[in-house]
């Protein structure tokens, strides 16, 4: 199965292609090709619409006796999808398009009509200018005036855009300055509040009575110091058991007696001190 698509064929060494007879074909033989409908059309037999791009198995042949500057023209045969009626169309090298020939009519396309009308007007204008020199001069004058009007309009648009750009830049600068002023005012107010807070903290911790502020609605901070006689004693603030333990009246539980001369350093190791006599 892996070799069924191999394109290489065995050619024996004694092969002579000149001995192969030519195949006899008719002069205008048709070929079966696969193509898509080049334009939307309607079948003249059943009225079925065939959209552009629908695929068909078509027969192709060369049109005898017709060409365009040596370019061959081909004809294609297809069948309607509904009634199987034969439809033919051929190439149109002059307009780089296709032309419906038999069995179907091409759907109306407005842009094709507009192009045809424009082409007719252009040809009629050229013919008129060739026969009438004054008409040619008049047409050139009209074209020059139209070009000048277009250039003037373009210049006005450019000037307007430049003016709007300058105005936009000025507005951006003004907005930026306004934002800087707002930020400066906010920073000033923030700094003033911080200074007031620092002054208040300094007065409180330095026990300096605050001066009367200029604003009568502002609160007045006053500091009062208790008299020495009103302060409680240390003994009244400590528990009786703790006080007895500090004064040495309570027995020490779980405390081992130390020998004289033995002490402990900061690491908890016993150190013996020997008495040195002179």
C-alpha atoms as a PDB file:
ATOM      1  CA  UNK A   1       0.000   0.000   0.000  1.00  0.00           C
ATOM      2  CA  UNK A   2       2.906   2.364   0.564  1.00  0.00           C
ATOM      3  CA  UNK A   3       3.948   2.178  -3.092  1.00  0.00           C
ATOM      4  CA  UNK A   4       0.609   2.740  -4.767  1.00  0.00           C
ATOM      5  CA  UNK A   5       1.218   6.528  -5.205  1.00  0.00           C
ATOM      6  CA  UNK A   6       4.757   6.259  -6.584  1.00  0.00           C
ATOM      7  CA  UNK A   7       5.153   8.415  -9.700  1.00  0.00           C
ATOM      8  CA  UNK A   8       8.442   6.929 -10.873  1.00  0.00           C
ATOM      9  CA  UNK A   9       8.090   4.359 -13.618  1.00  0.00           C
ATOM     10  CA  UNK A  10      10.579   1.867 -14.992  1.00  0.00           C
ATOM     11  CA  UNK A  11      11.906   2.732 -18.473  1.00  0.00           C
ATOM     12  CA  UNK A  12      13.759  -0.128 -20.141  1.00  0.00           C
ATOM     13  CA  UNK A  13      17.108   0.638 -21.780  1.00  0.00           C
ATOM     14  CA  UNK A  14      15.846  -0.273 -25.276  1.00  0.00           C
ATOM     15  CA  UNK A  15      12.855   2.127 -25.085  1.00  0.00           C
ATOM     16  CA  UNK A  16      12.410   4.332 -28.185  1.00  0.00           C
ATOM     17  CA  UNK A  17       9.704   6.994 -27.850  1.00  0.00           C
ATOM     18  CA  UNK A  18       9.667   7.620 -31.614  1.00  0.00           C
ATOM     19  CA  UNK A  19       8.109   4.182 -32.152  1.00  0.00           C
ATOM     20  CA  UNK A  20       5.011   5.155 -30.131  1.00  0.00           C
ATOM     21  CA  UNK A  21       2.225   6.175 -32.559  1.00  0.00           C
ATOM     22  CA  UNK A  22       0.543   9.513 -31.991  1.00  0.00           C
ATOM     23  CA  UNK A  23      -2.962   9.470 -30.605  1.00  0.00           C
ATOM     24  CA  UNK A  24      -5.527  10.725 -33.068  1.00  0.00           C
ATOM     25  CA  UNK A  25      -7.750  13.466 -31.615  1.00  0.00           C
ATOM     26  CA  UNK A  26     -10.333  15.729 -33.203  1.00  0.00           C
ATOM     27  CA  UNK A  27      -9.215  19.211 -34.129  1.00  0.00           C
ATOM     28  CA  UNK A  28     -11.309  20.949 -31.430  1.00  0.00           C
ATOM     29  CA  UNK A  29     -11.411  18.360 -28.683  1.00  0.00           C
ATOM     30  CA  UNK A  30     -13.135  19.249 -25.417  1.00  0.00           C
ATOM     31  CA  UNK A  31     -11.467  18.853 -22.045  1.00  0.00           C
ATOM     32  CA  UNK A  32     -13.166  18.211 -18.702  1.00  0.00           C
ATOM     33  CA  UNK A  33     -12.096  20.800 -16.139  1.00  0.00           C
ATOM     34  CA  UNK A  34     -13.162  21.790 -12.647  1.00  0.00           C
ATOM     35  CA  UNK A  35     -14.100  25.465 -12.293  1.00  0.00           C
ATOM     36  CA  UNK A  36     -16.231  27.923 -10.362  1.00  0.00           C
ATOM     37  CA  UNK A  37     -18.957  30.131 -11.775  1.00  0.00           C
ATOM     38  CA  UNK A  38     -17.251  33.444 -12.647  1.00  0.00           C
ATOM     39  CA  UNK A  39     -20.408  35.524 -12.067  1.00  0.00           C
ATOM     40  CA  UNK A  40     -23.885  35.117 -10.631  1.00  0.00           C
ATOM     41  CA  UNK A  41     -26.441  34.102 -13.241  1.00  0.00           C
ATOM     42  CA  UNK A  42     -30.015  32.909 -13.685  1.00  0.00           C
ATOM     43  CA  UNK A  43     -31.014  29.889 -15.728  1.00  0.00           C
ATOM     44  CA  UNK A  44     -33.264  30.806 -18.656  1.00  0.00           C
ATOM     45  CA  UNK A  45     -35.036  27.412 -18.548  1.00  0.00           C
ATOM     46  CA  UNK A  46     -36.122  27.066 -14.905  1.00  0.00           C
ATOM     47  CA  UNK A  47     -35.205  30.438 -13.416  1.00  0.00           C
ATOM     48  CA  UNK A  48     -32.753  28.947 -10.899  1.00  0.00           C
ATOM     49  CA  UNK A  49     -30.149  31.370  -9.540  1.00  0.00           C
ATOM     50  CA  UNK A  50     -26.518  30.234  -9.617  1.00  0.00           C
ATOM     51  CA  UNK A  51     -24.293  32.228  -7.311  1.00  0.00           C
ATOM     52  CA  UNK A  52     -20.742  33.286  -8.059  1.00  0.00           C
ATOM     53  CA  UNK A  53     -18.153  30.739  -6.949  1.00  0.00           C
ATOM     54  CA  UNK A  54     -20.288  27.590  -7.255  1.00  0.00           C
ATOM     55  CA  UNK A  55     -18.185  24.665  -8.467  1.00  0.00           C
ATOM     56  CA  UNK A  56     -18.922  22.715 -11.634  1.00  0.00           C
ATOM     57  CA  UNK A  57     -17.420  19.938 -13.734  1.00  0.00           C
ATOM     58  CA  UNK A  58     -17.292  21.789 -17.058  1.00  0.00           C
ATOM     59  CA  UNK A  59     -16.225  21.040 -20.618  1.00  0.00           C
ATOM     60  CA  UNK A  60     -13.716  23.438 -22.150  1.00  0.00           C
ATOM     61  CA  UNK A  61     -13.064  24.125 -25.814  1.00  0.00           C
ATOM     62  CA  UNK A  62     -11.344  26.774 -27.948  1.00  0.00           C
ATOM     63  CA  UNK A  63     -13.617  29.112 -29.884  1.00  0.00           C
ATOM     64  CA  UNK A  64     -12.857  28.866 -33.575  1.00  0.00           C
ATOM     65  CA  UNK A  65     -12.412  32.075 -35.532  1.00  0.00           C
ATOM     66  CA  UNK A  66     -12.355  34.377 -32.489  1.00  0.00           C
ATOM     67  CA  UNK A  67      -9.379  35.887 -30.725  1.00  0.00           C
ATOM     68  CA  UNK A  68      -8.265  39.149 -29.173  1.00  0.00           C
ATOM     69  CA  UNK A  69      -4.867  40.331 -30.428  1.00  0.00           C
ATOM     70  CA  UNK A  70      -3.721  36.737 -30.706  1.00  0.00           C
ATOM     71  CA  UNK A  71      -5.207  35.696 -27.338  1.00  0.00           C
ATOM     72  CA  UNK A  72      -7.385  32.598 -27.626  1.00  0.00           C
ATOM     73  CA  UNK A  73     -10.964  32.673 -26.380  1.00  0.00           C
ATOM     74  CA  UNK A  74     -12.302  29.615 -24.548  1.00  0.00           C
ATOM     75  CA  UNK A  75     -15.870  28.411 -24.141  1.00  0.00           C
ATOM     76  CA  UNK A  76     -17.153  26.484 -21.099  1.00  0.00           C
ATOM     77  CA  UNK A  77     -20.199  24.203 -20.853  1.00  0.00           C
ATOM     78  CA  UNK A  78     -21.924  23.640 -17.512  1.00  0.00           C
ATOM     79  CA  UNK A  79     -25.331  22.304 -16.451  1.00  0.00           C
ATOM     80  CA  UNK A  80     -27.974  23.970 -14.313  1.00  0.00           C
ATOM     81  CA  UNK A  81     -28.118  22.581 -10.783  1.00  0.00           C
ATOM     82  CA  UNK A  82     -31.915  22.268 -10.888  1.00  0.00           C
ATOM     83  CA  UNK A  83     -33.003  21.343 -14.431  1.00  0.00           C
ATOM     84  CA  UNK A  84     -29.625  20.214 -15.870  1.00  0.00           C
ATOM     85  CA  UNK A  85     -30.032  22.570 -18.831  1.00  0.00           C
ATOM     86  CA  UNK A  86     -26.818  23.352 -20.662  1.00  0.00           C
ATOM     87  CA  UNK A  87     -25.296  26.783 -19.984  1.00  0.00           C
ATOM     88  CA  UNK A  88     -22.359  28.201 -21.886  1.00  0.00           C
ATOM     89  CA  UNK A  89     -20.122  31.197 -21.262  1.00  0.00           C
ATOM     90  CA  UNK A  90     -16.777  32.262 -22.701  1.00  0.00           C
ATOM     91  CA  UNK A  91     -13.794  34.364 -21.772  1.00  0.00           C
ATOM     92  CA  UNK A  92     -13.626  38.100 -22.549  1.00  0.00           C
ATOM     93  CA  UNK A  93      -9.941  39.142 -22.687  1.00  0.00           C
ATOM     94  CA  UNK A  94     -10.844  42.667 -23.773  1.00  0.00           C
ATOM     95  CA  UNK A  95     -12.523  43.447 -20.440  1.00  0.00           C
ATOM     96  CA  UNK A  96     -10.605  40.782 -18.456  1.00  0.00           C
ATOM     97  CA  UNK A  97     -13.911  39.127 -17.615  1.00  0.00           C
ATOM     98  CA  UNK A  98     -16.350  36.414 -18.717  1.00  0.00           C
ATOM     99  CA  UNK A  99     -19.422  36.811 -20.937  1.00  0.00           C
ATOM    100  CA  UNK A 100     -22.642  34.779 -20.721  1.00  0.00           C
ATOM    101  CA  UNK A 101     -23.398  33.168 -24.097  1.00  0.00           C
ATOM    102  CA  UNK A 102     -26.287  30.715 -23.958  1.00  0.00           C
ATOM    103  CA  UNK A 103     -28.704  29.152 -21.461  1.00  0.00           C
ATOM    104  CA  UNK A 104     -28.377  31.792 -18.712  1.00  0.00           C
ATOM    105  CA  UNK A 105     -28.462  35.547 -18.246  1.00  0.00           C
ATOM    106  CA  UNK A 106     -26.033  37.442 -16.064  1.00  0.00           C
ATOM    107  CA  UNK A 107     -27.493  39.184 -13.025  1.00  0.00           C
ATOM    108  CA  UNK A 108     -27.580  42.972 -13.008  1.00  0.00           C
ATOM    109  CA  UNK A 109     -24.473  44.618 -11.540  1.00  0.00           C
ATOM    110  CA  UNK A 110     -24.729  48.398 -11.011  1.00  0.00           C
ATOM    111  CA  UNK A 111     -20.992  48.988 -10.953  1.00  0.00           C
ATOM    112  CA  UNK A 112     -20.655  47.435 -14.410  1.00  0.00           C
ATOM    113  CA  UNK A 113     -23.274  49.842 -15.771  1.00  0.00           C
ATOM    114  CA  UNK A 114     -21.503  52.788 -14.173  1.00  0.00           C
ATOM    115  CA  UNK A 115     -18.206  51.786 -15.710  1.00  0.00           C
ATOM    116  CA  UNK A 116     -19.839  51.381 -19.127  1.00  0.00           C
ATOM    117  CA  UNK A 117     -21.465  54.826 -18.904  1.00  0.00           C
ATOM    118  CA  UNK A 118     -18.183  56.435 -17.848  1.00  0.00           C
ATOM    119  CA  UNK A 119     -16.348  54.780 -20.699  1.00  0.00           C
ATOM    120  CA  UNK A 120     -18.956  55.970 -23.200  1.00  0.00           C
ATOM    121  CA  UNK A 121     -18.759  59.525 -21.889  1.00  0.00           C
ATOM    122  CA  UNK A 122     -14.975  59.494 -22.125  1.00  0.00           C
ATOM    123  CA  UNK A 123     -15.014  58.238 -25.690  1.00  0.00           C
ATOM    124  CA  UNK A 124     -17.649  60.803 -26.702  1.00  0.00           C
ATOM    125  CA  UNK A 125     -15.623  63.593 -25.106  1.00  0.00           C
ATOM    126  CA  UNK A 126     -12.455  62.549 -26.947  1.00  0.00           C
ATOM    127  CA  UNK A 127     -14.320  62.381 -30.239  1.00  0.00           C
ATOM    128  CA  UNK A 128     -15.820  65.834 -29.690  1.00  0.00           C
ATOM    129  CA  UNK A 129     -12.427  67.330 -28.795  1.00  0.00           C
ATOM    130  CA  UNK A 130     -10.862  65.899 -31.969  1.00  0.00           C
ATOM    131  CA  UNK A 131     -13.508  67.499 -34.159  1.00  0.00           C
ATOM    132  CA  UNK A 132     -13.776  70.834 -32.270  1.00  0.00           C
ATOM    133  CA  UNK A 133     -10.511  72.480 -31.030  1.00  0.00           C
ATOM    134  CA  UNK A 134     -12.433  75.190 -29.120  1.00  0.00           C
ATOM    135  CA  UNK A 135     -14.284  72.495 -27.180  1.00  0.00           C
ATOM    136  CA  UNK A 136     -10.948  70.893 -26.307  1.00  0.00           C
ATOM    137  CA  UNK A 137      -9.643  74.242 -25.020  1.00  0.00           C
ATOM    138  CA  UNK A 138     -12.815  74.774 -23.012  1.00  0.00           C
ATOM    139  CA  UNK A 139     -12.541  71.307 -21.468  1.00  0.00           C
ATOM    140  CA  UNK A 140      -8.894  71.903 -20.515  1.00  0.00           C
ATOM    141  CA  UNK A 141      -9.872  75.233 -18.905  1.00  0.00           C
ATOM    142  CA  UNK A 142     -12.620  73.541 -16.911  1.00  0.00           C
ATOM    143  CA  UNK A 143     -10.213  70.800 -15.806  1.00  0.00           C
ATOM    144  CA  UNK A 144      -7.610  73.392 -14.721  1.00  0.00           C
ATOM    145  CA  UNK A 145     -10.221  75.316 -12.743  1.00  0.00           C
ATOM    146  CA  UNK A 146     -11.368  72.121 -11.058  1.00  0.00           C
ATOM    147  CA  UNK A 147      -7.780  71.259 -10.116  1.00  0.00           C
ATOM    148  CA  UNK A 148      -7.228  74.764  -8.676  1.00  0.00           C
ATOM    149  CA  UNK A 149     -10.420  74.468  -6.615  1.00  0.00           C
ATOM    150  CA  UNK A 150      -9.316  71.105  -5.304  1.00  0.00           C
ATOM    151  CA  UNK A 151      -5.876  72.481  -4.352  1.00  0.00           C
ATOM    152  CA  UNK A 152      -7.469  75.488  -2.599  1.00  0.00           C
ATOM    153  CA  UNK A 153      -9.802  73.229  -0.634  1.00  0.00           C
ATOM    154  CA  UNK A 154      -6.875  71.001   0.303  1.00  0.00           C
ATOM    155  CA  UNK A 155      -4.859  74.027   1.455  1.00  0.00           C
ATOM    156  CA  UNK A 156      -7.795  75.228   3.593  1.00  0.00           C
ATOM    157  CA  UNK A 157      -8.098  71.808   5.178  1.00  0.00           C
ATOM    158  CA  UNK A 158      -4.370  71.746   5.963  1.00  0.00           C
ATOM    159  CA  UNK A 159      -4.494  75.236   7.504  1.00  0.00           C
ATOM    160  CA  UNK A 160      -7.521  74.266   9.591  1.00  0.00           C
ATOM    161  CA  UNK A 161      -5.812  71.115  10.823  1.00  0.00           C
ATOM    162  CA  UNK A 162      -2.674  73.081  11.731  1.00  0.00           C
ATOM    163  CA  UNK A 163      -4.742  75.654  13.639  1.00  0.00           C
ATOM    164  CA  UNK A 164      -6.637  72.945  15.502  1.00  0.00           C
ATOM    165  CA  UNK A 165      -3.333  71.268  16.338  1.00  0.00           C
ATOM    166  CA  UNK A 166      -1.921  74.500  17.770  1.00  0.00           C
ATOM    167  CA  UNK A 167      -5.100  75.064  19.785  1.00  0.00           C
ATOM    168  CA  UNK A 168      -4.908  71.509  21.060  1.00  0.00           C
ATOM    169  CA  UNK A 169      -1.292  71.965  22.117  1.00  0.00           C
ATOM    170  CA  UNK A 170      -2.166  75.238  23.908  1.00  0.00           C
ATOM    171  CA  UNK A 171      -5.048  73.538  25.682  1.00  0.00           C
ATOM    172  CA  UNK A 172      -2.754  70.694  26.748  1.00  0.00           C
ATOM    173  CA  UNK A 173      -0.182  73.154  28.100  1.00  0.00           C
ATOM    174  CA  UNK A 174      -2.874  75.105  29.985  1.00  0.00           C
ATOM    175  CA  UNK A 175      -4.300  71.914  31.458  1.00  0.00           C
ATOM    176  CA  UNK A 176      -0.820  70.804  32.501  1.00  0.00           C
ATOM    177  CA  UNK A 177      -0.115  74.147  34.196  1.00  0.00           C
ATOM    178  CA  UNK A 178      -3.485  74.005  35.955  1.00  0.00           C
ATOM    179  CA  UNK A 179      -2.727  70.509  37.245  1.00  0.00           C
ATOM    180  CA  UNK A 180       0.686  71.672  38.468  1.00  0.00           C
ATOM    181  CA  UNK A 181      -0.957  74.582  40.309  1.00  0.00           C
ATOM    182  CA  UNK A 182      -3.448  72.222  41.929  1.00  0.00           C
ATOM    183  CA  UNK A 183      -0.659  69.848  42.956  1.00  0.00           C
ATOM    184  CA  UNK A 184       1.377  72.773  44.342  1.00  0.00           C
ATOM    185  CA  UNK A 185      -1.601  73.993  46.376  1.00  0.00           C
ATOM    186  CA  UNK A 186      -2.234  70.486  47.696  1.00  0.00           C
ATOM    187  CA  UNK A 187       1.429  70.108  48.642  1.00  0.00           C
ATOM    188  CA  UNK A 188       1.339  73.485  50.417  1.00  0.00           C
ATOM    189  CA  UNK A 189      -1.736  72.539  52.415  1.00  0.00           C
ATOM    190  CA  UNK A 190      -0.265  69.133  53.246  1.00  0.00           C
ATOM    191  CA  UNK A 191       2.978  70.715  54.408  1.00  0.00           C
ATOM    192  CA  UNK A 192       1.076  73.237  56.554  1.00  0.00           C
ATOM    193  CA  UNK A 193      -0.900  70.438  58.216  1.00  0.00           C
ATOM    194  CA  UNK A 194       2.282  68.469  58.888  1.00  0.00           C
ATOM    195  CA  UNK A 195       3.895  71.538  60.470  1.00  0.00           C
ATOM    196  CA  UNK A 196       0.864  72.077  62.692  1.00  0.00           C
ATOM    197  CA  UNK A 197       0.944  68.412  63.774  1.00  0.00           C
ATOM    198  CA  UNK A 198       4.660  68.606  64.555  1.00  0.00           C
ATOM    199  CA  UNK A 199       4.168  71.780  66.564  1.00  0.00           C
ATOM    200  CA  UNK A 200       1.329  70.181  68.509  1.00  0.00           C
ATOM    201  CA  UNK A 201       3.401  67.057  69.273  1.00  0.00           C
ATOM    202  CA  UNK A 202       6.373  69.183  70.307  1.00  0.00           C
ATOM    203  CA  UNK A 203       4.247  71.203  72.715  1.00  0.00           C
ATOM    204  CA  UNK A 204       2.659  68.119  74.237  1.00  0.00           C
ATOM    205  CA  UNK A 205       5.914  66.260  74.843  1.00  0.00           C
ATOM    206  CA  UNK A 206       7.769  69.366  75.992  1.00  0.00           C
ATOM    207  CA  UNK A 207       4.937  70.162  78.431  1.00  0.00           C
ATOM    208  CA  UNK A 208       4.697  73.654  77.084  1.00  0.00           C
ATOM    209  CA  UNK A 209       1.277  75.198  77.410  1.00  0.00           C
ATOM    210  CA  UNK A 210      -0.152  75.978  74.004  1.00  0.00           C
ATOM    211  CA  UNK A 211      -0.650  79.589  73.127  1.00  0.00           C
ATOM    212  CA  UNK A 212      -4.113  80.759  72.457  1.00  0.00           C
ATOM    213  CA  UNK A 213      -4.728  80.399  68.725  1.00  0.00           C
ATOM    214  CA  UNK A 214      -5.986  83.220  66.662  1.00  0.00           C
ATOM    215  CA  UNK A 215      -9.015  81.188  65.638  1.00  0.00           C
ATOM    216  CA  UNK A 216     -11.467  81.192  68.574  1.00  0.00           C
ATOM    217  CA  UNK A 217     -13.137  77.981  67.318  1.00  0.00           C
ATOM    218  CA  UNK A 218      -9.888  75.974  67.580  1.00  0.00           C
ATOM    219  CA  UNK A 219      -9.525  73.782  70.719  1.00  0.00           C
ATOM    220  CA  UNK A 220      -7.177  74.974  73.485  1.00  0.00           C
ATOM    221  CA  UNK A 221      -4.797  72.358  74.882  1.00  0.00           C
ATOM    222  CA  UNK A 222      -3.854  72.735  78.563  1.00  0.00           C
ATOM    223  CA  UNK A 223      -1.555  70.473  80.595  1.00  0.00           C
ATOM    224  CA  UNK A 224      -1.973  69.999  84.336  1.00  0.00           C
ATOM    225  CA  UNK A 225       0.580  68.388  86.659  1.00  0.00           C
ATOM    226  CA  UNK A 226      -0.494  66.550  89.792  1.00  0.00           C
ATOM    227  CA  UNK A 227       0.953  67.623  93.099  1.00  0.00           C
ATOM    228  CA  UNK A 228       3.622  65.474  94.710  1.00  0.00           C
ATOM    229  CA  UNK A 229       1.432  64.681  97.677  1.00  0.00           C
ATOM    230  CA  UNK A 230      -1.317  63.257  95.488  1.00  0.00           C
ATOM    231  CA  UNK A 231       0.939  60.717  93.771  1.00  0.00           C
ATOM    232  CA  UNK A 232       0.559  57.127  95.124  1.00  0.00           C
ATOM    233  CA  UNK A 233       3.518  55.399  96.737  1.00  0.00           C
ATOM    234  CA  UNK A 234       5.357  52.488  95.194  1.00  0.00           C
ATOM    235  CA  UNK A 235       4.339  50.127  98.043  1.00  0.00           C
ATOM    236  CA  UNK A 236       0.681  50.658  97.304  1.00  0.00           C
ATOM    237  CA  UNK A 237       1.151  49.736  93.644  1.00  0.00           C
ATOM    238  CA  UNK A 238       3.025  46.434  94.327  1.00  0.00           C
ATOM    239  CA  UNK A 239       1.316  43.231  95.564  1.00  0.00           C
ATOM    240  CA  UNK A 240       1.986  42.288  99.263  1.00  0.00           C
ATOM    241  CA  UNK A 241       3.592  38.939  98.372  1.00  0.00           C
ATOM    242  CA  UNK A 242       5.942  40.574  95.886  1.00  0.00           C
ATOM    243  CA  UNK A 243       6.801  43.298  98.374  1.00  0.00           C
ATOM    244  CA  UNK A 244       7.593  40.727 101.082  1.00  0.00           C
ATOM    245  CA  UNK A 245       9.761  38.783  98.657  1.00  0.00           C
ATOM    246  CA  UNK A 246      11.672  41.930  97.721  1.00  0.00           C
ATOM    247  CA  UNK A 247      12.266  42.909 101.355  1.00  0.00           C
ATOM    248  CA  UNK A 248      13.451  39.383 102.219  1.00  0.00           C
ATOM    249  CA  UNK A 249      10.726  38.530 104.698  1.00  0.00           C
ATOM    250  CA  UNK A 250       9.201  35.700 102.655  1.00  0.00           C
ATOM    251  CA  UNK A 251      10.965  32.320 102.369  1.00  0.00           C
ATOM    252  CA  UNK A 252      12.550  31.494  98.979  1.00  0.00           C
ATOM    253  CA  UNK A 253      11.170  28.249  97.585  1.00  0.00           C
ATOM    254  CA  UNK A 254      13.213  26.180  95.131  1.00  0.00           C
ATOM    255  CA  UNK A 255      16.317  28.315  95.487  1.00  0.00           C
ATOM    256  CA  UNK A 256      19.496  26.382  96.216  1.00  0.00           C
ATOM    257  CA  UNK A 257      22.131  27.745  98.560  1.00  0.00           C
ATOM    258  CA  UNK A 258      25.286  28.927  97.043  1.00  0.00           C
ATOM    259  CA  UNK A 259      28.683  28.473  98.508  1.00  0.00           C
ATOM    260  CA  UNK A 260      30.770  31.477  99.206  1.00  0.00           C
ATOM    261  CA  UNK A 261      33.069  32.399  96.502  1.00  0.00           C
ATOM    262  CA  UNK A 262      31.027  30.703  93.757  1.00  0.00           C
ATOM    263  CA  UNK A 263      29.436  32.840  91.121  1.00  0.00           C
ATOM    264  CA  UNK A 264      28.026  32.303  87.652  1.00  0.00           C
ATOM    265  CA  UNK A 265      29.019  34.165  84.604  1.00  0.00           C
ATOM    266  CA  UNK A 266      26.660  35.359  81.820  1.00  0.00           C
ATOM    267  CA  UNK A 267      26.703  31.843  80.250  1.00  0.00           C
ATOM    268  CA  UNK A 268      25.524  30.098  83.464  1.00  0.00           C
ATOM    269  CA  UNK A 269      28.898  28.421  84.234  1.00  0.00           C
ATOM    270  CA  UNK A 270      30.080  28.282  87.855  1.00  0.00           C
ATOM    271  CA  UNK A 271      33.243  30.145  88.517  1.00  0.00           C
ATOM    272  CA  UNK A 272      35.259  29.601  91.739  1.00  0.00           C
ATOM    273  CA  UNK A 273      37.012  32.567  93.232  1.00  0.00           C
ATOM    274  CA  UNK A 274      40.108  31.869  95.286  1.00  0.00           C
ATOM    275  CA  UNK A 275      41.215  34.182  98.035  1.00  0.00           C
ATOM    276  CA  UNK A 276      44.563  35.614  97.331  1.00  0.00           C
ATOM    277  CA  UNK A 277      46.730  36.622 100.291  1.00  0.00           C
ATOM    278  CA  UNK A 278      49.727  38.840 100.066  1.00  0.00           C
END
